[in-house]
């Protein structure tokens, strides 16, 4: 069985155009002709021709295919990403890489590739050359990192990329680059920790002592005491501002004082009631025919028109024998202070 070689043949579905035959099947790549093709349309399994049948006046026009749009969109997207990091140079490098791939594909497989160019060495070489030129221009336009000046590698790169003309090796010997000794990094000093200083407000409660007072209570016996109101201490809240360094208190200052509960003073009643006088002794029986007044005891107060205390200002005519207790009526007015004792 004879196999038709790959090439451009009259399109079986459109006699006015050509379609690429890849050696086994018709592809999606087509080409229009400016003049009518010569010869009949080959069948699906064409007989091997001597080569692509073209009119000497026919010209093939370029038409993009579906793969052209898909791969071309991918190439533009990759180039835009490259432009984001390397500018217009990155954009050109991205397009050049896809063009180089298409040119190599045409030269190796003799197929149109996604660019849908003529599957010839001339077309593939042209695509490869244009793409290589774009790659060179993009590489020159892309930014380059400057080499480190203090290293041997940086010095060597500087010599190679120097804009000054370099004489041939035969005329001028290449300068010897002596690598500089590596610098030993100085030990990093241990950083001194920065103290952490903080402040806080703290409330401290303190008791307020209560006062105590008393008063005389005549209803209570002399010397007795009763607590009328119990004393209650108050509460004083002091607010302090405390400064700490690394968690340790270093100083404090008083901010305010507030009495939250006032103290209640203690009140005590002290008895002042005098005890009752002892019972009066029984009056001595009056002597027969005696003259002692029965209103007085402890001595014989004579019965007379007037009786005065001895040593007083009274002029008698009779006098009491001394201090006597009034147990009845003080008819002689001897108990001037009313304490129940006369002439005391």
C-alpha atoms as a PDB file:
ATOM      1  CA  UNK A   1       0.000   0.000   0.000  1.00  0.00           C
ATOM      2  CA  UNK A   2       1.423   3.368  -1.085  1.00  0.00           C
ATOM      3  CA  UNK A   3       1.369   6.179   1.557  1.00  0.00           C
ATOM      4  CA  UNK A   4       0.925   9.765   0.428  1.00  0.00           C
ATOM      5  CA  UNK A   5       3.648  11.953   1.957  1.00  0.00           C
ATOM      6  CA  UNK A   6       2.675  14.988   4.041  1.00  0.00           C
ATOM      7  CA  UNK A   7       1.953  18.138   2.077  1.00  0.00           C
ATOM      8  CA  UNK A   8      -0.578  20.701   0.887  1.00  0.00           C
ATOM      9  CA  UNK A   9      -3.310  19.263  -1.329  1.00  0.00           C
ATOM     10  CA  UNK A  10      -6.603  20.472  -2.698  1.00  0.00           C
ATOM     11  CA  UNK A  11      -9.182  20.526   0.106  1.00  0.00           C
ATOM     12  CA  UNK A  12     -11.700  17.727  -0.614  1.00  0.00           C
ATOM     13  CA  UNK A  13     -14.493  19.888   0.857  1.00  0.00           C
ATOM     14  CA  UNK A  14     -13.455  23.181  -0.804  1.00  0.00           C
ATOM     15  CA  UNK A  15     -11.789  23.019  -4.237  1.00  0.00           C
ATOM     16  CA  UNK A  16     -10.784  26.692  -3.912  1.00  0.00           C
ATOM     17  CA  UNK A  17      -8.522  26.021  -0.893  1.00  0.00           C
ATOM     18  CA  UNK A  18      -5.776  23.664   0.201  1.00  0.00           C
ATOM     19  CA  UNK A  19      -5.643  21.487   3.354  1.00  0.00           C
ATOM     20  CA  UNK A  20      -2.588  19.943   5.014  1.00  0.00           C
ATOM     21  CA  UNK A  21      -2.238  16.182   4.717  1.00  0.00           C
ATOM     22  CA  UNK A  22      -0.014  14.846   7.554  1.00  0.00           C
ATOM     23  CA  UNK A  23       0.620  11.497   5.847  1.00  0.00           C
ATOM     24  CA  UNK A  24      -2.247   9.640   7.544  1.00  0.00           C
ATOM     25  CA  UNK A  25      -5.168  12.070   7.742  1.00  0.00           C
ATOM     26  CA  UNK A  26      -6.442  15.518   6.777  1.00  0.00           C
ATOM     27  CA  UNK A  27      -5.637  18.153   9.418  1.00  0.00           C
ATOM     28  CA  UNK A  28      -7.462  21.345  10.444  1.00  0.00           C
ATOM     29  CA  UNK A  29      -4.835  23.552   8.725  1.00  0.00           C
ATOM     30  CA  UNK A  30      -6.089  25.114   5.491  1.00  0.00           C
ATOM     31  CA  UNK A  31      -4.740  27.651   3.023  1.00  0.00           C
ATOM     32  CA  UNK A  32      -6.568  29.820   0.443  1.00  0.00           C
ATOM     33  CA  UNK A  33      -5.380  30.152  -3.089  1.00  0.00           C
ATOM     34  CA  UNK A  34      -5.491  33.265  -5.233  1.00  0.00           C
ATOM     35  CA  UNK A  35      -5.920  31.090  -8.343  1.00  0.00           C
ATOM     36  CA  UNK A  36      -7.870  27.897  -8.884  1.00  0.00           C
ATOM     37  CA  UNK A  37      -5.914  24.735  -8.057  1.00  0.00           C
ATOM     38  CA  UNK A  38      -4.607  22.539 -10.844  1.00  0.00           C
ATOM     39  CA  UNK A  39      -5.789  18.973 -11.017  1.00  0.00           C
ATOM     40  CA  UNK A  40      -8.623  17.057  -9.390  1.00  0.00           C
ATOM     41  CA  UNK A  41      -9.319  16.888  -5.674  1.00  0.00           C
ATOM     42  CA  UNK A  42      -7.368  13.950  -4.154  1.00  0.00           C
ATOM     43  CA  UNK A  43      -9.428  11.265  -2.400  1.00  0.00           C
ATOM     44  CA  UNK A  44      -9.320  10.576   1.323  1.00  0.00           C
ATOM     45  CA  UNK A  45      -6.474   8.134   0.692  1.00  0.00           C
ATOM     46  CA  UNK A  46      -4.635  10.028  -2.062  1.00  0.00           C
ATOM     47  CA  UNK A  47      -2.168   8.450  -4.394  1.00  0.00           C
ATOM     48  CA  UNK A  48       1.381   9.523  -3.603  1.00  0.00           C
ATOM     49  CA  UNK A  49       2.137  12.654  -5.611  1.00  0.00           C
ATOM     50  CA  UNK A  50       5.567  13.906  -6.467  1.00  0.00           C
ATOM     51  CA  UNK A  51       5.016  16.851  -4.094  1.00  0.00           C
ATOM     52  CA  UNK A  52       2.497  19.511  -3.222  1.00  0.00           C
ATOM     53  CA  UNK A  53       0.601  20.541  -6.311  1.00  0.00           C
ATOM     54  CA  UNK A  54       0.670  24.293  -6.581  1.00  0.00           C
ATOM     55  CA  UNK A  55       0.144  26.693  -9.397  1.00  0.00           C
ATOM     56  CA  UNK A  56       3.076  28.879 -10.216  1.00  0.00           C
ATOM     57  CA  UNK A  57       0.835  31.877  -9.683  1.00  0.00           C
ATOM     58  CA  UNK A  58      -0.853  30.597  -6.490  1.00  0.00           C
ATOM     59  CA  UNK A  59      -0.120  32.259  -3.158  1.00  0.00           C
ATOM     60  CA  UNK A  60      -0.983  30.815   0.273  1.00  0.00           C
ATOM     61  CA  UNK A  61      -2.552  33.239   2.788  1.00  0.00           C
ATOM     62  CA  UNK A  62      -2.109  32.750   6.550  1.00  0.00           C
ATOM     63  CA  UNK A  63      -5.186  31.776   8.576  1.00  0.00           C
ATOM     64  CA  UNK A  64      -5.237  31.271  12.380  1.00  0.00           C
ATOM     65  CA  UNK A  65      -6.749  28.034  13.671  1.00  0.00           C
ATOM     66  CA  UNK A  66      -8.299  27.037  16.982  1.00  0.00           C
ATOM     67  CA  UNK A  67      -4.915  25.896  18.319  1.00  0.00           C
ATOM     68  CA  UNK A  68      -3.473  29.280  17.266  1.00  0.00           C
ATOM     69  CA  UNK A  69      -5.937  31.099  19.507  1.00  0.00           C
ATOM     70  CA  UNK A  70      -5.534  28.689  22.451  1.00  0.00           C
ATOM     71  CA  UNK A  71      -1.724  28.488  22.472  1.00  0.00           C
ATOM     72  CA  UNK A  72      -1.404  32.165  21.538  1.00  0.00           C
ATOM     73  CA  UNK A  73      -3.593  33.194  24.504  1.00  0.00           C
ATOM     74  CA  UNK A  74      -1.449  31.033  26.802  1.00  0.00           C
ATOM     75  CA  UNK A  75       1.716  32.672  25.425  1.00  0.00           C
ATOM     76  CA  UNK A  76       0.327  36.172  26.035  1.00  0.00           C
ATOM     77  CA  UNK A  77      -0.705  35.241  29.575  1.00  0.00           C
ATOM     78  CA  UNK A  78       2.756  33.886  30.410  1.00  0.00           C
ATOM     79  CA  UNK A  79       4.361  36.972  28.883  1.00  0.00           C
ATOM     80  CA  UNK A  80       2.193  39.280  30.995  1.00  0.00           C
ATOM     81  CA  UNK A  81       3.315  37.434  34.119  1.00  0.00           C
ATOM     82  CA  UNK A  82       6.938  37.877  33.023  1.00  0.00           C
ATOM     83  CA  UNK A  83       6.342  41.574  32.409  1.00  0.00           C
ATOM     84  CA  UNK A  84       5.157  41.948  36.010  1.00  0.00           C
ATOM     85  CA  UNK A  85       8.640  41.044  37.307  1.00  0.00           C
ATOM     86  CA  UNK A  86      10.988  42.037  34.449  1.00  0.00           C
ATOM     87  CA  UNK A  87       9.062  44.689  32.518  1.00  0.00           C
ATOM     88  CA  UNK A  88       8.839  44.711  28.716  1.00  0.00           C
ATOM     89  CA  UNK A  89      11.918  42.499  28.557  1.00  0.00           C
ATOM     90  CA  UNK A  90      10.078  39.738  30.418  1.00  0.00           C
ATOM     91  CA  UNK A  91       7.123  40.113  28.064  1.00  0.00           C
ATOM     92  CA  UNK A  92       9.337  39.657  24.962  1.00  0.00           C
ATOM     93  CA  UNK A  93      11.138  36.692  26.510  1.00  0.00           C
ATOM     94  CA  UNK A  94       7.793  34.937  27.140  1.00  0.00           C
ATOM     95  CA  UNK A  95       6.675  35.373  23.516  1.00  0.00           C
ATOM     96  CA  UNK A  96      10.097  34.322  22.210  1.00  0.00           C
ATOM     97  CA  UNK A  97      10.043  31.035  24.124  1.00  0.00           C
ATOM     98  CA  UNK A  98       6.703  30.019  22.563  1.00  0.00           C
ATOM     99  CA  UNK A  99       7.967  31.098  19.101  1.00  0.00           C
ATOM    100  CA  UNK A 100      11.149  29.047  19.488  1.00  0.00           C
ATOM    101  CA  UNK A 101       9.073  26.039  20.458  1.00  0.00           C
ATOM    102  CA  UNK A 102       6.870  26.474  17.368  1.00  0.00           C
ATOM    103  CA  UNK A 103       9.903  26.829  15.041  1.00  0.00           C
ATOM    104  CA  UNK A 104      11.583  23.717  16.427  1.00  0.00           C
ATOM    105  CA  UNK A 105       8.307  21.797  16.085  1.00  0.00           C
ATOM    106  CA  UNK A 106       8.021  22.736  12.372  1.00  0.00           C
ATOM    107  CA  UNK A 107      11.654  21.791  11.646  1.00  0.00           C
ATOM    108  CA  UNK A 108      11.407  18.412  13.399  1.00  0.00           C
ATOM    109  CA  UNK A 109       7.887  17.232  12.458  1.00  0.00           C
ATOM    110  CA  UNK A 110       7.363  19.187   9.224  1.00  0.00           C
ATOM    111  CA  UNK A 111       3.946  20.223  10.528  1.00  0.00           C
ATOM    112  CA  UNK A 112       2.516  23.743  10.686  1.00  0.00           C
ATOM    113  CA  UNK A 113       2.463  23.918  14.541  1.00  0.00           C
ATOM    114  CA  UNK A 114       0.058  26.256  16.323  1.00  0.00           C
ATOM    115  CA  UNK A 115       1.301  29.187  14.216  1.00  0.00           C
ATOM    116  CA  UNK A 116      -0.169  27.456  11.087  1.00  0.00           C
ATOM    117  CA  UNK A 117       2.893  28.358   8.992  1.00  0.00           C
ATOM    118  CA  UNK A 118       4.069  26.397   5.968  1.00  0.00           C
ATOM    119  CA  UNK A 119       5.629  23.131   7.187  1.00  0.00           C
ATOM    120  CA  UNK A 120       8.929  23.812   5.482  1.00  0.00           C
ATOM    121  CA  UNK A 121      12.444  24.302   6.746  1.00  0.00           C
ATOM    122  CA  UNK A 122      12.383  27.842   5.502  1.00  0.00           C
ATOM    123  CA  UNK A 123       9.222  28.717   7.470  1.00  0.00           C
ATOM    124  CA  UNK A 124      10.430  26.897  10.597  1.00  0.00           C
ATOM    125  CA  UNK A 125      13.847  28.557  10.406  1.00  0.00           C
ATOM    126  CA  UNK A 126      12.249  31.982   9.974  1.00  0.00           C
ATOM    127  CA  UNK A 127      10.042  31.441  13.054  1.00  0.00           C
ATOM    128  CA  UNK A 128      13.063  30.196  15.009  1.00  0.00           C
ATOM    129  CA  UNK A 129      15.241  33.157  13.956  1.00  0.00           C
ATOM    130  CA  UNK A 130      12.606  35.798  14.765  1.00  0.00           C
ATOM    131  CA  UNK A 131      11.952  34.196  18.148  1.00  0.00           C
ATOM    132  CA  UNK A 132      15.669  34.058  18.941  1.00  0.00           C
ATOM    133  CA  UNK A 133      15.986  37.756  18.113  1.00  0.00           C
ATOM    134  CA  UNK A 134      13.066  38.555  20.440  1.00  0.00           C
ATOM    135  CA  UNK A 135      14.708  36.460  23.166  1.00  0.00           C
ATOM    136  CA  UNK A 136      17.960  38.397  22.824  1.00  0.00           C
ATOM    137  CA  UNK A 137      16.235  41.784  22.896  1.00  0.00           C
ATOM    138  CA  UNK A 138      14.090  40.788  25.879  1.00  0.00           C
ATOM    139  CA  UNK A 139      17.146  39.509  27.787  1.00  0.00           C
ATOM    140  CA  UNK A 140      18.967  42.803  27.216  1.00  0.00           C
ATOM    141  CA  UNK A 141      15.954  44.853  28.309  1.00  0.00           C
ATOM    142  CA  UNK A 142      15.267  42.800  31.456  1.00  0.00           C
ATOM    143  CA  UNK A 143      16.839  44.203  34.657  1.00  0.00           C
ATOM    144  CA  UNK A 144      19.942  42.409  35.963  1.00  0.00           C
ATOM    145  CA  UNK A 145      21.122  42.160  39.581  1.00  0.00           C
ATOM    146  CA  UNK A 146      24.476  43.863  40.234  1.00  0.00           C
ATOM    147  CA  UNK A 147      27.212  41.488  41.517  1.00  0.00           C
ATOM    148  CA  UNK A 148      28.623  41.924  44.993  1.00  0.00           C
ATOM    149  CA  UNK A 149      31.746  44.107  44.729  1.00  0.00           C
ATOM    150  CA  UNK A 150      33.559  42.526  47.697  1.00  0.00           C
ATOM    151  CA  UNK A 151      33.696  38.950  46.372  1.00  0.00           C
ATOM    152  CA  UNK A 152      36.008  37.287  43.866  1.00  0.00           C
ATOM    153  CA  UNK A 153      33.017  36.213  41.727  1.00  0.00           C
ATOM    154  CA  UNK A 154      31.740  39.797  41.598  1.00  0.00           C
ATOM    155  CA  UNK A 155      35.164  41.060  40.516  1.00  0.00           C
ATOM    156  CA  UNK A 156      35.378  38.465  37.770  1.00  0.00           C
ATOM    157  CA  UNK A 157      31.902  39.335  36.456  1.00  0.00           C
ATOM    158  CA  UNK A 158      32.834  43.033  36.498  1.00  0.00           C
ATOM    159  CA  UNK A 159      35.866  42.306  34.319  1.00  0.00           C
ATOM    160  CA  UNK A 160      33.804  40.264  31.876  1.00  0.00           C
ATOM    161  CA  UNK A 161      31.005  42.849  31.603  1.00  0.00           C
ATOM    162  CA  UNK A 162      33.233  45.963  31.575  1.00  0.00           C
ATOM    163  CA  UNK A 163      32.275  48.350  28.743  1.00  0.00           C
ATOM    164  CA  UNK A 164      35.937  49.181  28.092  1.00  0.00           C
ATOM    165  CA  UNK A 165      37.487  47.338  25.136  1.00  0.00           C
ATOM    166  CA  UNK A 166      39.648  44.395  26.071  1.00  0.00           C
ATOM    167  CA  UNK A 167      42.780  43.724  24.045  1.00  0.00           C
ATOM    168  CA  UNK A 168      43.436  40.200  22.707  1.00  0.00           C
ATOM    169  CA  UNK A 169      45.116  37.770  25.067  1.00  0.00           C
ATOM    170  CA  UNK A 170      48.188  37.693  22.923  1.00  0.00           C
ATOM    171  CA  UNK A 171      48.710  41.452  23.308  1.00  0.00           C
ATOM    172  CA  UNK A 172      47.757  41.952  26.932  1.00  0.00           C
ATOM    173  CA  UNK A 173      47.852  39.210  29.561  1.00  0.00           C
ATOM    174  CA  UNK A 174      44.666  38.626  31.439  1.00  0.00           C
ATOM    175  CA  UNK A 175      44.815  40.206  34.884  1.00  0.00           C
ATOM    176  CA  UNK A 176      45.020  37.783  37.722  1.00  0.00           C
ATOM    177  CA  UNK A 177      42.154  38.096  40.106  1.00  0.00           C
ATOM    178  CA  UNK A 178      43.259  37.425  43.636  1.00  0.00           C
ATOM    179  CA  UNK A 179      40.312  36.408  45.772  1.00  0.00           C
ATOM    180  CA  UNK A 180      39.982  38.557  48.795  1.00  0.00           C
ATOM    181  CA  UNK A 181      40.068  36.752  52.116  1.00  0.00           C
ATOM    182  CA  UNK A 182      36.682  35.984  53.497  1.00  0.00           C
ATOM    183  CA  UNK A 183      35.691  38.309  56.241  1.00  0.00           C
ATOM    184  CA  UNK A 184      34.935  36.675  59.528  1.00  0.00           C
ATOM    185  CA  UNK A 185      31.671  37.913  60.862  1.00  0.00           C
ATOM    186  CA  UNK A 186      32.044  39.647  64.182  1.00  0.00           C
ATOM    187  CA  UNK A 187      30.215  37.919  67.000  1.00  0.00           C
ATOM    188  CA  UNK A 188      26.800  39.360  67.521  1.00  0.00           C
ATOM    189  CA  UNK A 189      26.590  40.900  71.001  1.00  0.00           C
ATOM    190  CA  UNK A 190      23.896  39.542  73.213  1.00  0.00           C
ATOM    191  CA  UNK A 191      21.180  42.179  73.395  1.00  0.00           C
ATOM    192  CA  UNK A 192      20.551  43.621  76.813  1.00  0.00           C
ATOM    193  CA  UNK A 193      16.990  42.829  77.794  1.00  0.00           C
ATOM    194  CA  UNK A 194      14.803  45.891  78.103  1.00  0.00           C
ATOM    195  CA  UNK A 195      13.155  46.052  81.534  1.00  0.00           C
ATOM    196  CA  UNK A 196       9.387  45.846  81.458  1.00  0.00           C
ATOM    197  CA  UNK A 197       7.938  48.730  83.487  1.00  0.00           C
ATOM    198  CA  UNK A 198       4.257  48.721  84.384  1.00  0.00           C
ATOM    199  CA  UNK A 199       1.832  50.627  86.591  1.00  0.00           C
ATOM    200  CA  UNK A 200      -1.368  49.579  88.266  1.00  0.00           C
ATOM    201  CA  UNK A 201      -3.934  50.995  90.698  1.00  0.00           C
ATOM    202  CA  UNK A 202      -4.569  49.015  93.892  1.00  0.00           C
ATOM    203  CA  UNK A 203      -7.255  49.745  96.546  1.00  0.00           C
ATOM    204  CA  UNK A 204      -6.292  48.951 100.159  1.00  0.00           C
ATOM    205  CA  UNK A 205      -8.908  49.010 102.969  1.00  0.00           C
ATOM    206  CA  UNK A 206      -7.925  50.192 106.458  1.00  0.00           C
ATOM    207  CA  UNK A 207     -10.081  50.339 109.658  1.00  0.00           C
ATOM    208  CA  UNK A 208     -10.991  53.694 111.220  1.00  0.00           C
ATOM    209  CA  UNK A 209     -10.990  53.471 115.062  1.00  0.00           C
ATOM    210  CA  UNK A 210     -14.128  54.633 116.883  1.00  0.00           C
ATOM    211  CA  UNK A 211     -14.241  57.077 119.821  1.00  0.00           C
ATOM    212  CA  UNK A 212     -15.675  56.318 123.261  1.00  0.00           C
ATOM    213  CA  UNK A 213     -17.634  58.638 125.570  1.00  0.00           C
ATOM    214  CA  UNK A 214     -19.617  58.297 128.802  1.00  0.00           C
ATOM    215  CA  UNK A 215     -22.146  60.203 130.882  1.00  0.00           C
ATOM    216  CA  UNK A 216     -23.510  59.981 134.464  1.00  0.00           C
ATOM    217  CA  UNK A 217     -26.724  58.072 134.842  1.00  0.00           C
ATOM    218  CA  UNK A 218     -28.516  58.918 138.133  1.00  0.00           C
ATOM    219  CA  UNK A 219     -30.752  55.894 137.825  1.00  0.00           C
ATOM    220  CA  UNK A 220     -27.807  53.510 138.059  1.00  0.00           C
ATOM    221  CA  UNK A 221     -26.017  52.706 141.277  1.00  0.00           C
ATOM    222  CA  UNK A 222     -22.766  54.492 141.861  1.00  0.00           C
ATOM    223  CA  UNK A 223     -19.860  52.697 140.070  1.00  0.00           C
ATOM    224  CA  UNK A 224     -22.087  50.658 137.703  1.00  0.00           C
ATOM    225  CA  UNK A 225     -21.685  51.091 133.863  1.00  0.00           C
ATOM    226  CA  UNK A 226     -23.853  50.091 130.913  1.00  0.00           C
ATOM    227  CA  UNK A 227     -22.925  50.269 127.200  1.00  0.00           C
ATOM    228  CA  UNK A 228     -25.670  52.250 125.560  1.00  0.00           C
ATOM    229  CA  UNK A 229     -24.187  52.231 122.001  1.00  0.00           C
ATOM    230  CA  UNK A 230     -21.576  49.714 120.897  1.00  0.00           C
ATOM    231  CA  UNK A 231     -18.629  51.137 119.001  1.00  0.00           C
ATOM    232  CA  UNK A 232     -18.119  50.044 115.353  1.00  0.00           C
ATOM    233  CA  UNK A 233     -14.895  50.851 113.451  1.00  0.00           C
ATOM    234  CA  UNK A 234     -15.214  52.550 110.057  1.00  0.00           C
ATOM    235  CA  UNK A 235     -13.547  51.698 106.723  1.00  0.00           C
ATOM    236  CA  UNK A 236     -11.054  53.854 104.804  1.00  0.00           C
ATOM    237  CA  UNK A 237     -10.102  52.854 101.243  1.00  0.00           C
ATOM    238  CA  UNK A 238      -6.751  54.140 100.016  1.00  0.00           C
ATOM    239  CA  UNK A 239      -5.989  53.972  96.288  1.00  0.00           C
ATOM    240  CA  UNK A 240      -2.284  53.485  95.490  1.00  0.00           C
ATOM    241  CA  UNK A 241      -0.499  53.720  92.155  1.00  0.00           C
ATOM    242  CA  UNK A 242       2.139  50.985  92.165  1.00  0.00           C
ATOM    243  CA  UNK A 243       5.059  50.941  89.697  1.00  0.00           C
ATOM    244  CA  UNK A 244       6.686  47.584  88.915  1.00  0.00           C
ATOM    245  CA  UNK A 245       9.844  46.671  87.019  1.00  0.00           C
ATOM    246  CA  UNK A 246       9.920  43.138  85.638  1.00  0.00           C
ATOM    247  CA  UNK A 247       7.092  42.264  88.011  1.00  0.00           C
ATOM    248  CA  UNK A 248       8.804  43.635  91.154  1.00  0.00           C
ATOM    249  CA  UNK A 249       7.348  46.679  92.958  1.00  0.00           C
ATOM    250  CA  UNK A 250       9.727  49.622  92.832  1.00  0.00           C
ATOM    251  CA  UNK A 251       7.570  52.530  94.080  1.00  0.00           C
ATOM    252  CA  UNK A 252       4.059  53.521  95.084  1.00  0.00           C
ATOM    253  CA  UNK A 253       2.208  56.808  95.501  1.00  0.00           C
ATOM    254  CA  UNK A 254      -1.106  57.625  97.188  1.00  0.00           C
ATOM    255  CA  UNK A 255      -3.765  58.699  94.707  1.00  0.00           C
ATOM    256  CA  UNK A 256      -6.886  59.139  96.856  1.00  0.00           C
ATOM    257  CA  UNK A 257      -8.561  58.294 100.187  1.00  0.00           C
ATOM    258  CA  UNK A 258     -12.259  57.471 100.462  1.00  0.00           C
ATOM    259  CA  UNK A 259     -14.287  56.758 103.639  1.00  0.00           C
ATOM    260  CA  UNK A 260     -16.691  54.011 102.651  1.00  0.00           C
ATOM    261  CA  UNK A 261     -18.102  53.458 106.153  1.00  0.00           C
ATOM    262  CA  UNK A 262     -18.063  56.027 108.994  1.00  0.00           C
ATOM    263  CA  UNK A 263     -17.192  54.762 112.503  1.00  0.00           C
ATOM    264  CA  UNK A 264     -19.881  54.540 115.210  1.00  0.00           C
ATOM    265  CA  UNK A 265     -18.748  55.983 118.572  1.00  0.00           C
ATOM    266  CA  UNK A 266     -19.201  54.000 121.775  1.00  0.00           C
ATOM    267  CA  UNK A 267     -21.463  55.488 124.468  1.00  0.00           C
ATOM    268  CA  UNK A 268     -21.336  54.249 128.106  1.00  0.00           C
ATOM    269  CA  UNK A 269     -23.651  55.223 130.967  1.00  0.00           C
ATOM    270  CA  UNK A 270     -21.992  55.365 134.418  1.00  0.00           C
ATOM    271  CA  UNK A 271     -24.183  55.167 137.506  1.00  0.00           C
ATOM    272  CA  UNK A 272     -24.188  58.118 139.942  1.00  0.00           C
ATOM    273  CA  UNK A 273     -26.957  57.111 142.370  1.00  0.00           C
ATOM    274  CA  UNK A 274     -25.777  57.477 145.972  1.00  0.00           C
ATOM    275  CA  UNK A 275     -26.455  54.488 148.208  1.00  0.00           C
ATOM    276  CA  UNK A 276     -29.304  54.809 150.756  1.00  0.00           C
ATOM    277  CA  UNK A 277     -28.203  55.919 154.268  1.00  0.00           C
ATOM    278  CA  UNK A 278     -27.965  53.223 156.877  1.00  0.00           C
ATOM    279  CA  UNK A 279     -31.068  52.762 159.095  1.00  0.00           C
ATOM    280  CA  UNK A 280     -31.267  55.164 162.062  1.00  0.00           C
ATOM    281  CA  UNK A 281     -30.458  53.667 165.391  1.00  0.00           C
ATOM    282  CA  UNK A 282     -33.289  53.211 167.711  1.00  0.00           C
ATOM    283  CA  UNK A 283     -33.890  56.249 169.945  1.00  0.00           C
ATOM    284  CA  UNK A 284     -32.707  55.796 173.447  1.00  0.00           C
ATOM    285  CA  UNK A 285     -35.574  55.676 175.838  1.00  0.00           C
ATOM    286  CA  UNK A 286     -36.111  59.028 177.428  1.00  0.00           C
ATOM    287  CA  UNK A 287     -35.348  59.111 181.079  1.00  0.00           C
ATOM    288  CA  UNK A 288     -38.210  59.446 183.344  1.00  0.00           C
ATOM    289  CA  UNK A 289     -39.349  62.963 183.419  1.00  0.00           C
ATOM    290  CA  UNK A 290     -36.709  63.616 180.735  1.00  0.00           C
ATOM    291  CA  UNK A 291     -36.671  66.373 178.231  1.00  0.00           C
ATOM    292  CA  UNK A 292     -35.275  64.757 174.950  1.00  0.00           C
ATOM    293  CA  UNK A 293     -37.118  65.548 171.763  1.00  0.00           C
ATOM    294  CA  UNK A 294     -38.325  62.276 170.067  1.00  0.00           C
ATOM    295  CA  UNK A 295     -37.765  63.755 166.537  1.00  0.00           C
ATOM    296  CA  UNK A 296     -34.014  63.324 166.846  1.00  0.00           C
ATOM    297  CA  UNK A 297     -31.845  60.260 167.503  1.00  0.00           C
ATOM    298  CA  UNK A 298     -28.219  59.723 168.299  1.00  0.00           C
ATOM    299  CA  UNK A 299     -28.187  62.229 171.087  1.00  0.00           C
ATOM    300  CA  UNK A 300     -30.535  63.962 173.442  1.00  0.00           C
ATOM    301  CA  UNK A 301     -31.915  67.118 171.977  1.00  0.00           C
ATOM    302  CA  UNK A 302     -33.608  68.910 174.851  1.00  0.00           C
ATOM    303  CA  UNK A 303     -37.154  70.032 174.575  1.00  0.00           C
ATOM    304  CA  UNK A 304     -37.149  73.761 174.797  1.00  0.00           C
ATOM    305  CA  UNK A 305     -38.467  76.889 173.161  1.00  0.00           C
ATOM    306  CA  UNK A 306     -35.441  76.888 170.814  1.00  0.00           C
ATOM    307  CA  UNK A 307     -32.488  74.582 170.307  1.00  0.00           C
ATOM    308  CA  UNK A 308     -29.390  75.497 168.312  1.00  0.00           C
ATOM    309  CA  UNK A 309     -26.313  73.565 167.167  1.00  0.00           C
ATOM    310  CA  UNK A 310     -23.303  73.992 169.391  1.00  0.00           C
ATOM    311  CA  UNK A 311     -20.710  76.427 168.100  1.00  0.00           C
ATOM    312  CA  UNK A 312     -23.210  77.985 165.732  1.00  0.00           C
ATOM    313  CA  UNK A 313     -24.687  81.446 165.601  1.00  0.00           C
ATOM    314  CA  UNK A 314     -27.756  80.493 167.559  1.00  0.00           C
ATOM    315  CA  UNK A 315     -28.250  81.780 171.050  1.00  0.00           C
ATOM    316  CA  UNK A 316     -30.166  78.903 172.581  1.00  0.00           C
ATOM    317  CA  UNK A 317     -31.369  78.811 175.140  1.00  0.00           C
ATOM    318  CA  UNK A 318     -30.690  75.035 174.539  1.00  0.00           C
ATOM    319  CA  UNK A 319     -28.133  73.285 172.331  1.00  0.00           C
ATOM    320  CA  UNK A 320     -27.978  69.875 170.677  1.00  0.00           C
ATOM    321  CA  UNK A 321     -25.273  67.583 171.968  1.00  0.00           C
ATOM    322  CA  UNK A 322     -23.707  67.229 168.486  1.00  0.00           C
ATOM    323  CA  UNK A 323     -24.593  65.582 165.178  1.00  0.00           C
ATOM    324  CA  UNK A 324     -27.896  63.833 165.522  1.00  0.00           C
ATOM    325  CA  UNK A 325     -30.125  62.098 162.966  1.00  0.00           C
ATOM    326  CA  UNK A 326     -33.449  63.590 162.108  1.00  0.00           C
ATOM    327  CA  UNK A 327     -36.014  60.786 162.356  1.00  0.00           C
ATOM    328  CA  UNK A 328     -39.097  62.896 162.521  1.00  0.00           C
ATOM    329  CA  UNK A 329     -39.821  66.573 161.966  1.00  0.00           C
ATOM    330  CA  UNK A 330     -36.914  68.982 162.215  1.00  0.00           C
ATOM    331  CA  UNK A 331     -38.843  71.378 164.433  1.00  0.00           C
ATOM    332  CA  UNK A 332     -35.671  73.280 165.399  1.00  0.00           C
ATOM    333  CA  UNK A 333     -34.362  73.606 161.797  1.00  0.00           C
ATOM    334  CA  UNK A 334     -31.109  71.928 162.694  1.00  0.00           C
ATOM    335  CA  UNK A 335     -30.728  70.035 159.311  1.00  0.00           C
ATOM    336  CA  UNK A 336     -29.956  72.990 157.069  1.00  0.00           C
ATOM    337  CA  UNK A 337     -28.663  70.897 154.103  1.00  0.00           C
ATOM    338  CA  UNK A 338     -31.534  68.397 154.187  1.00  0.00           C
ATOM    339  CA  UNK A 339     -29.375  65.274 154.272  1.00  0.00           C
ATOM    340  CA  UNK A 340     -31.161  63.826 157.313  1.00  0.00           C
ATOM    341  CA  UNK A 341     -28.485  64.764 159.827  1.00  0.00           C
ATOM    342  CA  UNK A 342     -28.611  67.766 162.128  1.00  0.00           C
ATOM    343  CA  UNK A 343     -25.662  69.782 163.329  1.00  0.00           C
ATOM    344  CA  UNK A 344     -23.258  67.953 161.024  1.00  0.00           C
END
